[in-house]
All heavy atoms as atom14 arrays in JSON, in Angstrom:
{
  "sequence": "GSLRLSCAPSRSIFSSYIMAWYRQAPGKQREMVANITPSGRTNYLDS",
  "atom14_mask": [
    [1, 1, 1, 1, 0, 0, 0, 0, 0, 0, 0, 0, 0, 0],
    [1, 1, 1, 1, 1, 1, 0, 0, 0, 0, 0, 0, 0, 0],
    [1, 1, 1, 1, 1, 1, 1, 1, 0, 0, 0, 0, 0, 0],
    [1, 1, 1, 1, 1, 1, 1, 1, 1, 1, 1, 0, 0, 0],
    [1, 1, 1, 1, 1, 1, 1, 1, 0, 0, 0, 0, 0, 0],
    [1, 1, 1, 1, 1, 1, 0, 0, 0, 0, 0, 0, 0, 0],
    [1, 1, 1, 1, 1, 1, 0, 0, 0, 0, 0, 0, 0, 0],
    [1, 1, 1, 1, 1, 0, 0, 0, 0, 0, 0, 0, 0, 0],
    [1, 1, 1, 1, 1, 1, 1, 0, 0, 0, 0, 0, 0, 0],
    [1, 1, 1, 1, 1, 1, 0, 0, 0, 0, 0, 0, 0, 0],
    [1, 1, 1, 1, 1, 1, 1, 1, 1, 1, 1, 0, 0, 0],
    [1, 1, 1, 1, 1, 1, 0, 0, 0, 0, 0, 0, 0, 0],
    [1, 1, 1, 1, 1, 1, 1, 1, 0, 0, 0, 0, 0, 0],
    [1, 1, 1, 1, 1, 1, 1, 1, 1, 1, 1, 0, 0, 0],
    [1, 1, 1, 1, 1, 1, 0, 0, 0, 0, 0, 0, 0, 0],
    [1, 1, 1, 1, 1, 1, 0, 0, 0, 0, 0, 0, 0, 0],
    [1, 1, 1, 1, 1, 1, 1, 1, 1, 1, 1, 1, 0, 0],
    [1, 1, 1, 1, 1, 1, 1, 1, 0, 0, 0, 0, 0, 0],
    [1, 1, 1, 1, 1, 1, 1, 1, 0, 0, 0, 0, 0, 0],
    [1, 1, 1, 1, 1, 0, 0, 0, 0, 0, 0, 0, 0, 0],
    [1, 1, 1, 1, 1, 1, 1, 1, 1, 1, 1, 1, 1, 1],
    [1, 1, 1, 1, 1, 1, 1, 1, 1, 1, 1, 1, 0, 0],
    [1, 1, 1, 1, 1, 1, 1, 1, 1, 1, 1, 0, 0, 0],
    [1, 1, 1, 1, 1, 1, 1, 1, 1, 0, 0, 0, 0, 0],
    [1, 1, 1, 1, 1, 0, 0, 0, 0, 0, 0, 0, 0, 0],
    [1, 1, 1, 1, 1, 1, 1, 0, 0, 0, 0, 0, 0, 0],
    [1, 1, 1, 1, 0, 0, 0, 0, 0, 0, 0, 0, 0, 0],
    [1, 1, 1, 1, 1, 1, 1, 1, 1, 0, 0, 0, 0, 0],
    [1, 1, 1, 1, 1, 1, 1, 1, 1, 0, 0, 0, 0, 0],
    [1, 1, 1, 1, 1, 1, 1, 1, 1, 1, 1, 0, 0, 0],
    [1, 1, 1, 1, 1, 1, 1, 1, 1, 0, 0, 0, 0, 0],
    [1, 1, 1, 1, 1, 1, 1, 1, 0, 0, 0, 0, 0, 0],
    [1, 1, 1, 1, 1, 1, 1, 0, 0, 0, 0, 0, 0, 0],
    [1, 1, 1, 1, 1, 0, 0, 0, 0, 0, 0, 0, 0, 0],
    [1, 1, 1, 1, 1, 1, 1, 1, 0, 0, 0, 0, 0, 0],
    [1, 1, 1, 1, 1, 1, 1, 1, 0, 0, 0, 0, 0, 0],
    [1, 1, 1, 1, 1, 1, 1, 0, 0, 0, 0, 0, 0, 0],
    [1, 1, 1, 1, 1, 1, 1, 0, 0, 0, 0, 0, 0, 0],
    [1, 1, 1, 1, 1, 1, 0, 0, 0, 0, 0, 0, 0, 0],
    [1, 1, 1, 1, 0, 0, 0, 0, 0, 0, 0, 0, 0, 0],
    [1, 1, 1, 1, 1, 1, 1, 1, 1, 1, 1, 0, 0, 0],
    [1, 1, 1, 1, 1, 1, 1, 0, 0, 0, 0, 0, 0, 0],
    [1, 1, 1, 1, 1, 1, 1, 1, 0, 0, 0, 0, 0, 0],
    [1, 1, 1, 1, 1, 1, 1, 1, 1, 1, 1, 1, 0, 0],
    [1, 1, 1, 1, 1, 1, 1, 1, 0, 0, 0, 0, 0, 0],
    [1, 1, 1, 1, 1, 1, 1, 1, 0, 0, 0, 0, 0, 0],
    [1, 1, 1, 1, 1, 1, 0, 0, 0, 0, 0, 0, 0, 0]
  ],
  "atom14_positions": [
    [[-12.47, -16.08, 70.48], [-12.73, -14.68, 70.56], [-11.49, -13.79, 70.53], [-10.37, -14.18, 70.49], [0.0, 0.0, 0.0], [0.0, 0.0, 0.0], [0.0, 0.0, 0.0], [0.0, 0.0, 0.0], [0.0, 0.0, 0.0], [0.0, 0.0, 0.0], [0.0, 0.0, 0.0], [0.0, 0.0, 0.0], [0.0, 0.0, 0.0], [0.0, 0.0, 0.0]],
    [[-11.7, -12.54, 70.6], [-10.66, -11.45, 70.7], [-10.83, -10.41, 71.69], [-12.09, -10.31, 72.27], [-10.67, -10.68, 69.27], [-10.48, -11.61, 68.28], [0.0, 0.0, 0.0], [0.0, 0.0, 0.0], [0.0, 0.0, 0.0], [0.0, 0.0, 0.0], [0.0, 0.0, 0.0], [0.0, 0.0, 0.0], [0.0, 0.0, 0.0], [0.0, 0.0, 0.0]],
    [[-9.76, -9.84, 72.23], [-9.82, -8.73, 73.22], [-8.66, -7.84, 72.87], [-7.61, -8.33, 72.31], [-9.65, -9.31, 74.67], [-10.78, -9.7, 75.48], [-10.36, -10.31, 76.74], [-11.84, -8.69, 75.53], [0.0, 0.0, 0.0], [0.0, 0.0, 0.0], [0.0, 0.0, 0.0], [0.0, 0.0, 0.0], [0.0, 0.0, 0.0], [0.0, 0.0, 0.0]],
    [[-8.87, -6.61, 73.21], [-7.69, -5.61, 73.05], [-7.36, -5.09, 74.34], [-8.3, -4.45, 74.97], [-7.87, -4.7, 71.99], [-6.66, -3.78, 71.76], [-6.85, -2.76, 70.73], [-7.66, -1.56, 71.13], [-7.76, -0.41, 70.53], [-7.04, -0.23, 69.37], [-8.51, 0.56, 71.07], [0.0, 0.0, 0.0], [0.0, 0.0, 0.0], [0.0, 0.0, 0.0]],
    [[-6.13, -5.06, 74.93], [-5.72, -4.53, 76.19], [-5.06, -3.25, 75.75], [-4.35, -3.08, 74.72], [-4.69, -5.46, 76.87], [-5.33, -6.89, 77.3], [-4.15, -7.55, 77.98], [-6.55, -6.81, 78.03], [0.0, 0.0, 0.0], [0.0, 0.0, 0.0], [0.0, 0.0, 0.0], [0.0, 0.0, 0.0], [0.0, 0.0, 0.0], [0.0, 0.0, 0.0]],
    [[-5.19, -2.28, 76.65], [-4.45, -0.99, 76.51], [-3.73, -0.67, 77.81], [-4.06, -1.04, 78.92], [-5.55, 0.27, 76.3], [-6.34, -0.11, 75.1], [0.0, 0.0, 0.0], [0.0, 0.0, 0.0], [0.0, 0.0, 0.0], [0.0, 0.0, 0.0], [0.0, 0.0, 0.0], [0.0, 0.0, 0.0], [0.0, 0.0, 0.0], [0.0, 0.0, 0.0]],
    [[-2.59, 0.16, 77.57], [-1.76, 0.52, 78.73], [-1.34, 2.03, 78.36], [-0.8, 2.27, 77.38], [-0.5, -0.37, 78.77], [0.67, 0.31, 79.98], [0.0, 0.0, 0.0], [0.0, 0.0, 0.0], [0.0, 0.0, 0.0], [0.0, 0.0, 0.0], [0.0, 0.0, 0.0], [0.0, 0.0, 0.0], [0.0, 0.0, 0.0], [0.0, 0.0, 0.0]],
    [[-1.76, 2.82, 79.33], [-1.28, 4.31, 79.21], [-0.29, 4.73, 80.31], [-0.64, 4.74, 81.43], [-2.62, 5.11, 79.16], [0.0, 0.0, 0.0], [0.0, 0.0, 0.0], [0.0, 0.0, 0.0], [0.0, 0.0, 0.0], [0.0, 0.0, 0.0], [0.0, 0.0, 0.0], [0.0, 0.0, 0.0], [0.0, 0.0, 0.0], [0.0, 0.0, 0.0]],
    [[0.88, 5.09, 79.89], [1.91, 5.56, 80.84], [1.5, 6.97, 81.23], [0.76, 7.76, 80.52], [3.16, 5.61, 80.02], [2.97, 4.65, 78.87], [1.57, 4.84, 78.43], [0.0, 0.0, 0.0], [0.0, 0.0, 0.0], [0.0, 0.0, 0.0], [0.0, 0.0, 0.0], [0.0, 0.0, 0.0], [0.0, 0.0, 0.0], [0.0, 0.0, 0.0]],
    [[2.06, 7.39, 82.44], [1.76, 8.63, 83.01], [2.41, 9.8, 82.27], [2.16, 11.0, 82.51], [1.99, 8.74, 84.49], [3.39, 8.38, 84.7], [0.0, 0.0, 0.0], [0.0, 0.0, 0.0], [0.0, 0.0, 0.0], [0.0, 0.0, 0.0], [0.0, 0.0, 0.0], [0.0, 0.0, 0.0], [0.0, 0.0, 0.0], [0.0, 0.0, 0.0]],
    [[3.43, 9.49, 81.41], [4.15, 10.4, 80.61], [4.74, 9.73, 79.44], [4.6, 8.53, 79.27], [5.27, 11.05, 81.42], [6.28, 10.12, 82.13], [7.31, 10.78, 82.95], [8.25, 9.91, 83.62], [9.34, 9.42, 83.19], [9.73, 9.95, 82.01], [10.11, 8.65, 83.84], [0.0, 0.0, 0.0], [0.0, 0.0, 0.0], [0.0, 0.0, 0.0]],
    [[5.17, 10.54, 78.41], [5.67, 9.99, 77.13], [7.07, 9.39, 77.33], [7.93, 9.95, 77.78], [5.71, 11.09, 76.15], [6.19, 10.62, 74.98], [0.0, 0.0, 0.0], [0.0, 0.0, 0.0], [0.0, 0.0, 0.0], [0.0, 0.0, 0.0], [0.0, 0.0, 0.0], [0.0, 0.0, 0.0], [0.0, 0.0, 0.0], [0.0, 0.0, 0.0]],
    [[6.98, 7.94, 77.15], [8.24, 7.2, 77.41], [8.54, 6.42, 76.17], [9.75, 5.66, 76.41], [8.19, 6.45, 78.7], [7.02, 5.4, 78.51], [7.95, 7.27, 79.95], [6.86, 4.41, 79.65], [0.0, 0.0, 0.0], [0.0, 0.0, 0.0], [0.0, 0.0, 0.0], [0.0, 0.0, 0.0], [0.0, 0.0, 0.0], [0.0, 0.0, 0.0]],
    [[7.88, 6.24, 75.21], [8.13, 5.31, 74.19], [9.33, 5.37, 73.42], [9.93, 4.42, 72.9], [6.97, 5.22, 73.25], [5.53, 4.94, 73.7], [4.38, 5.21, 73.04], [5.44, 4.14, 74.88], [3.18, 4.81, 73.54], [4.29, 3.79, 75.39], [3.15, 4.15, 74.8], [0.0, 0.0, 0.0], [0.0, 0.0, 0.0], [0.0, 0.0, 0.0]],
    [[9.97, 6.49, 73.49], [11.29, 6.68, 72.77], [12.48, 6.12, 73.55], [13.62, 5.97, 72.92], [11.37, 8.31, 72.46], [11.56, 9.01, 73.68], [0.0, 0.0, 0.0], [0.0, 0.0, 0.0], [0.0, 0.0, 0.0], [0.0, 0.0, 0.0], [0.0, 0.0, 0.0], [0.0, 0.0, 0.0], [0.0, 0.0, 0.0], [0.0, 0.0, 0.0]],
    [[12.23, 5.76, 74.78], [13.4, 5.36, 75.56], [13.09, 4.18, 76.45], [14.12, 3.59, 76.95], [13.86, 6.48, 76.53], [12.75, 6.99, 77.35], [0.0, 0.0, 0.0], [0.0, 0.0, 0.0], [0.0, 0.0, 0.0], [0.0, 0.0, 0.0], [0.0, 0.0, 0.0], [0.0, 0.0, 0.0], [0.0, 0.0, 0.0], [0.0, 0.0, 0.0]],
    [[11.78, 3.67, 76.53], [11.48, 2.53, 77.17], [11.11, 1.33, 76.41], [10.35, 1.6, 75.42], [10.39, 2.77, 78.28], [10.89, 3.54, 79.51], [11.2, 4.92, 79.43], [10.67, 2.92, 80.73], [11.48, 5.5, 80.52], [11.04, 3.58, 81.91], [11.35, 4.79, 81.87], [11.81, 5.54, 82.92], [0.0, 0.0, 0.0], [0.0, 0.0, 0.0]],
    [[11.48, 0.1, 76.77], [10.79, -1.0, 76.24], [9.62, -1.25, 76.85], [9.46, -1.25, 78.07], [11.89, -2.32, 76.43], [13.09, -2.17, 75.66], [11.0, -3.59, 75.89], [14.17, -3.17, 75.94], [0.0, 0.0, 0.0], [0.0, 0.0, 0.0], [0.0, 0.0, 0.0], [0.0, 0.0, 0.0], [0.0, 0.0, 0.0], [0.0, 0.0, 0.0]],
    [[8.46, -1.34, 76.1], [7.12, -1.67, 76.62], [6.8, -3.19, 76.53], [7.13, -3.64, 75.43], [6.14, -0.74, 75.94], [6.39, 0.72, 76.1], [6.42, 1.29, 77.71], [4.8, 0.91, 78.29], [0.0, 0.0, 0.0], [0.0, 0.0, 0.0], [0.0, 0.0, 0.0], [0.0, 0.0, 0.0], [0.0, 0.0, 0.0], [0.0, 0.0, 0.0]],
    [[6.19, -3.73, 77.43], [5.9, -5.09, 77.27], [4.65, -5.47, 77.98], [4.22, -4.74, 78.87], [7.08, -6.05, 77.95], [0.0, 0.0, 0.0], [0.0, 0.0, 0.0], [0.0, 0.0, 0.0], [0.0, 0.0, 0.0], [0.0, 0.0, 0.0], [0.0, 0.0, 0.0], [0.0, 0.0, 0.0], [0.0, 0.0, 0.0], [0.0, 0.0, 0.0]],
    [[4.09, -6.68, 77.7], [2.93, -7.25, 78.3], [3.47, -8.51, 78.96], [4.01, -9.35, 78.17], [1.82, -7.53, 77.32], [1.07, -6.16, 77.02], [1.24, -5.44, 75.85], [0.01, -5.5, 77.67], [0.39, -4.48, 75.83], [-0.3, -4.42, 76.89], [-0.57, -5.8, 78.86], [-1.3, -3.52, 77.47], [-1.57, -4.98, 79.39], [-2.06, -3.8, 78.63]],
    [[3.19, -8.71, 80.05], [3.45, -10.0, 80.78], [2.03, -10.6, 81.34], [1.08, -9.98, 81.34], [4.26, -9.73, 82.09], [5.66, -9.55, 81.78], [6.05, -8.32, 81.31], [6.68, -10.55, 82.13], [7.46, -8.04, 81.05], [8.01, -10.3, 82.01], [8.36, -9.05, 81.42], [9.74, -8.78, 81.2], [0.0, 0.0, 0.0], [0.0, 0.0, 0.0]],
    [[2.08, -11.89, 81.65], [0.9, -12.53, 82.15], [1.25, -13.56, 83.3], [2.37, -13.98, 83.25], [0.0, -13.13, 81.12], [0.64, -14.38, 80.54], [-0.18, -14.92, 79.36], [0.29, -16.15, 78.69], [-0.14, -16.61, 77.6], [-1.13, -16.13, 77.1], [0.37, -17.84, 77.1], [0.0, 0.0, 0.0], [0.0, 0.0, 0.0], [0.0, 0.0, 0.0]],
    [[0.3, -13.77, 84.19], [0.62, -14.66, 85.24], [-0.69, -15.4, 85.42], [-1.71, -14.8, 85.82], [1.0, -14.02, 86.5], [1.5, -14.98, 87.63], [2.2, -14.32, 88.72], [2.21, -13.07, 88.92], [2.93, -15.12, 89.51], [0.0, 0.0, 0.0], [0.0, 0.0, 0.0], [0.0, 0.0, 0.0], [0.0, 0.0, 0.0], [0.0, 0.0, 0.0]],
    [[-0.64, -16.67, 85.22], [-1.77, -17.51, 85.52], [-1.61, -18.08, 87.01], [-0.56, -18.2, 87.56], [-1.89, -18.71, 84.53], [0.0, 0.0, 0.0], [0.0, 0.0, 0.0], [0.0, 0.0, 0.0], [0.0, 0.0, 0.0], [0.0, 0.0, 0.0], [0.0, 0.0, 0.0], [0.0, 0.0, 0.0], [0.0, 0.0, 0.0], [0.0, 0.0, 0.0]],
    [[-2.81, -18.52, 87.59], [-2.82, -19.13, 89.0], [-1.73, -20.27, 89.03], [-1.72, -21.13, 88.21], [-4.19, -19.47, 89.2], [-5.01, -18.77, 88.36], [-4.2, -18.47, 87.09], [0.0, 0.0, 0.0], [0.0, 0.0, 0.0], [0.0, 0.0, 0.0], [0.0, 0.0, 0.0], [0.0, 0.0, 0.0], [0.0, 0.0, 0.0], [0.0, 0.0, 0.0]],
    [[-0.94, -20.17, 89.97], [0.03, -21.22, 90.28], [1.2, -21.24, 89.34], [2.09, -22.18, 89.43], [0.0, 0.0, 0.0], [0.0, 0.0, 0.0], [0.0, 0.0, 0.0], [0.0, 0.0, 0.0], [0.0, 0.0, 0.0], [0.0, 0.0, 0.0], [0.0, 0.0, 0.0], [0.0, 0.0, 0.0], [0.0, 0.0, 0.0], [0.0, 0.0, 0.0]],
    [[1.34, -20.22, 88.39], [2.46, -20.14, 87.44], [3.24, -19.01, 87.6], [2.8, -18.0, 88.09], [1.9, -20.36, 86.07], [1.23, -21.69, 85.69], [0.78, -21.77, 84.27], [0.28, -23.12, 83.91], [-0.15, -23.39, 82.51], [0.0, 0.0, 0.0], [0.0, 0.0, 0.0], [0.0, 0.0, 0.0], [0.0, 0.0, 0.0], [0.0, 0.0, 0.0]],
    [[4.5, -19.03, 87.0], [5.27, -17.77, 87.05], [4.83, -16.84, 86.08], [4.29, -17.16, 85.03], [6.78, -18.21, 86.74], [7.41, -19.02, 87.93], [8.93, -19.2, 87.68], [9.47, -19.22, 86.5], [9.76, -19.27, 88.76], [0.0, 0.0, 0.0], [0.0, 0.0, 0.0], [0.0, 0.0, 0.0], [0.0, 0.0, 0.0], [0.0, 0.0, 0.0]],
    [[5.18, -15.58, 86.28], [4.93, -14.44, 85.36], [5.89, -14.68, 84.11], [6.92, -14.99, 84.21], [5.14, -13.17, 85.88], [4.7, -12.05, 85.08], [4.82, -10.69, 85.94], [3.92, -10.67, 87.11], [3.64, -9.49, 87.92], [4.21, -8.43, 87.41], [2.82, -9.6, 88.89], [0.0, 0.0, 0.0], [0.0, 0.0, 0.0], [0.0, 0.0, 0.0]],
    [[5.16, -14.57, 82.84], [5.93, -14.59, 81.72], [5.63, -13.61, 80.7], [4.54, -12.96, 80.77], [5.64, -15.99, 81.05], [4.15, -16.07, 80.63], [3.81, -17.44, 79.97], [4.68, -18.34, 79.71], [2.56, -17.7, 79.67], [0.0, 0.0, 0.0], [0.0, 0.0, 0.0], [0.0, 0.0, 0.0], [0.0, 0.0, 0.0], [0.0, 0.0, 0.0]],
    [[6.71, -13.18, 79.94], [6.58, -12.05, 79.07], [5.78, -12.67, 77.8], [6.15, -13.64, 77.22], [7.87, -11.61, 78.61], [7.72, -10.25, 77.83], [9.28, -9.81, 77.02], [9.15, -10.83, 75.53], [0.0, 0.0, 0.0], [0.0, 0.0, 0.0], [0.0, 0.0, 0.0], [0.0, 0.0, 0.0], [0.0, 0.0, 0.0], [0.0, 0.0, 0.0]],
    [[4.74, -11.89, 77.42], [3.95, -12.27, 76.26], [4.48, -11.66, 75.04], [4.6, -12.17, 73.84], [2.42, -11.89, 76.59], [1.68, -12.24, 75.25], [1.94, -12.61, 77.77], [0.0, 0.0, 0.0], [0.0, 0.0, 0.0], [0.0, 0.0, 0.0], [0.0, 0.0, 0.0], [0.0, 0.0, 0.0], [0.0, 0.0, 0.0], [0.0, 0.0, 0.0]],
    [[4.82, -10.31, 75.09], [5.24, -9.58, 73.93], [5.92, -8.3, 74.37], [5.55, -7.78, 75.48], [4.06, -9.25, 73.11], [0.0, 0.0, 0.0], [0.0, 0.0, 0.0], [0.0, 0.0, 0.0], [0.0, 0.0, 0.0], [0.0, 0.0, 0.0], [0.0, 0.0, 0.0], [0.0, 0.0, 0.0], [0.0, 0.0, 0.0], [0.0, 0.0, 0.0]],
    [[6.84, -7.82, 73.7], [7.33, -6.54, 73.86], [7.7, -5.77, 72.65], [7.68, -6.32, 71.49], [8.69, -6.51, 74.78], [9.76, -7.11, 74.05], [10.01, -7.22, 72.83], [10.87, -7.54, 74.88], [0.0, 0.0, 0.0], [0.0, 0.0, 0.0], [0.0, 0.0, 0.0], [0.0, 0.0, 0.0], [0.0, 0.0, 0.0], [0.0, 0.0, 0.0]],
    [[7.83, -4.43, 72.91], [8.12, -3.53, 71.65], [9.2, -2.51, 72.07], [9.05, -1.84, 73.15], [6.9, -2.82, 71.13], [7.21, -1.99, 70.01], [6.15, -2.05, 72.25], [5.97, -1.49, 69.14], [0.0, 0.0, 0.0], [0.0, 0.0, 0.0], [0.0, 0.0, 0.0], [0.0, 0.0, 0.0], [0.0, 0.0, 0.0], [0.0, 0.0, 0.0]],
    [[10.25, -2.44, 71.43], [11.42, -1.62, 71.69], [11.25, -0.27, 71.16], [10.32, 0.06, 70.45], [12.7, -2.17, 71.14], [12.61, -2.04, 69.62], [12.91, -3.66, 71.43], [0.0, 0.0, 0.0], [0.0, 0.0, 0.0], [0.0, 0.0, 0.0], [0.0, 0.0, 0.0], [0.0, 0.0, 0.0], [0.0, 0.0, 0.0], [0.0, 0.0, 0.0]],
    [[12.06, 0.7, 71.6], [11.84, 2.09, 71.18], [12.07, 2.24, 69.64], [11.24, 3.16, 69.05], [13.06, 2.86, 71.86], [13.23, 2.15, 73.17], [12.92, 0.69, 72.76], [0.0, 0.0, 0.0], [0.0, 0.0, 0.0], [0.0, 0.0, 0.0], [0.0, 0.0, 0.0], [0.0, 0.0, 0.0], [0.0, 0.0, 0.0], [0.0, 0.0, 0.0]],
    [[12.72, 1.29, 69.03], [12.78, 1.29, 67.49], [11.64, 0.72, 66.86], [11.54, 0.77, 65.62], [14.11, 0.65, 67.21], [14.08, -0.64, 67.44], [0.0, 0.0, 0.0], [0.0, 0.0, 0.0], [0.0, 0.0, 0.0], [0.0, 0.0, 0.0], [0.0, 0.0, 0.0], [0.0, 0.0, 0.0], [0.0, 0.0, 0.0], [0.0, 0.0, 0.0]],
    [[10.8, -0.01, 67.6], [9.62, -0.59, 67.09], [9.7, -2.08, 66.92], [8.84, -2.67, 66.3], [0.0, 0.0, 0.0], [0.0, 0.0, 0.0], [0.0, 0.0, 0.0], [0.0, 0.0, 0.0], [0.0, 0.0, 0.0], [0.0, 0.0, 0.0], [0.0, 0.0, 0.0], [0.0, 0.0, 0.0], [0.0, 0.0, 0.0], [0.0, 0.0, 0.0]],
    [[10.9, -2.61, 67.14], [10.99, -4.14, 66.95], [10.17, -4.81, 68.12], [9.99, -4.43, 69.2], [12.46, -4.45, 67.28], [12.7, -5.94, 66.88], [14.18, -6.24, 67.04], [14.64, -6.08, 68.47], [16.04, -6.17, 68.88], [16.86, -6.24, 67.84], [16.22, -6.01, 70.0], [0.0, 0.0, 0.0], [0.0, 0.0, 0.0], [0.0, 0.0, 0.0]],
    [[9.61, -5.87, 67.71], [8.74, -6.65, 68.5], [9.11, -8.04, 68.72], [9.83, -8.57, 67.92], [7.26, -6.74, 67.85], [7.3, -7.37, 66.62], [6.67, -5.37, 67.79], [0.0, 0.0, 0.0], [0.0, 0.0, 0.0], [0.0, 0.0, 0.0], [0.0, 0.0, 0.0], [0.0, 0.0, 0.0], [0.0, 0.0, 0.0], [0.0, 0.0, 0.0]],
    [[8.81, -8.57, 69.92], [9.16, -9.96, 70.22], [7.9, -10.5, 70.89], [7.1, -9.87, 71.67], [10.31, -10.02, 71.22], [11.5, -9.46, 70.57], [12.3, -10.07, 69.72], [11.86, -8.27, 71.0], [0.0, 0.0, 0.0], [0.0, 0.0, 0.0], [0.0, 0.0, 0.0], [0.0, 0.0, 0.0], [0.0, 0.0, 0.0], [0.0, 0.0, 0.0]],
    [[7.69, -12.01, 70.61], [6.54, -12.54, 71.07], [6.91, -13.97, 71.73], [7.91, -14.61, 71.33], [5.55, -12.9, 70.07], [5.01, -11.71, 69.42], [5.52, -11.05, 68.29], [3.93, -11.04, 69.96], [5.0, -9.83, 67.81], [3.4, -9.88, 69.39], [3.88, -9.24, 68.32], [3.25, -8.08, 67.84], [0.0, 0.0, 0.0], [0.0, 0.0, 0.0]],
    [[6.14, -14.32, 72.92], [6.11, -15.66, 73.23], [5.68, -16.62, 72.2], [4.87, -16.31, 71.57], [5.27, -15.77, 74.63], [5.02, -17.12, 75.31], [6.41, -17.34, 76.09], [3.89, -16.86, 76.2], [0.0, 0.0, 0.0], [0.0, 0.0, 0.0], [0.0, 0.0, 0.0], [0.0, 0.0, 0.0], [0.0, 0.0, 0.0], [0.0, 0.0, 0.0]],
    [[6.37, -17.71, 72.1], [6.12, -18.58, 70.99], [4.64, -19.03, 70.95], [4.06, -19.08, 69.81], [7.01, -19.88, 71.15], [8.41, -19.74, 70.67], [8.7, -18.68, 69.96], [9.22, -20.61, 70.91], [0.0, 0.0, 0.0], [0.0, 0.0, 0.0], [0.0, 0.0, 0.0], [0.0, 0.0, 0.0], [0.0, 0.0, 0.0], [0.0, 0.0, 0.0]],
    [[4.08, -19.34, 72.08], [2.72, -19.8, 72.07], [1.6, -18.72, 71.61], [0.49, -19.13, 71.53], [2.27, -20.24, 73.58], [2.33, -19.31, 74.44], [0.0, 0.0, 0.0], [0.0, 0.0, 0.0], [0.0, 0.0, 0.0], [0.0, 0.0, 0.0], [0.0, 0.0, 0.0], [0.0, 0.0, 0.0], [0.0, 0.0, 0.0], [0.0, 0.0, 0.0]]
  ]
}
């Protein structure tokens, strides 16, 4: 199946902040899933 997560900052920051999604499963370390830079470049966890 599919899901869409949303994240709304309290102010406009996309022009200067790297935004990312992390996840943490029980008993595991938090890992970065994806990020997007101010220029729009994206990076993803291989899995």
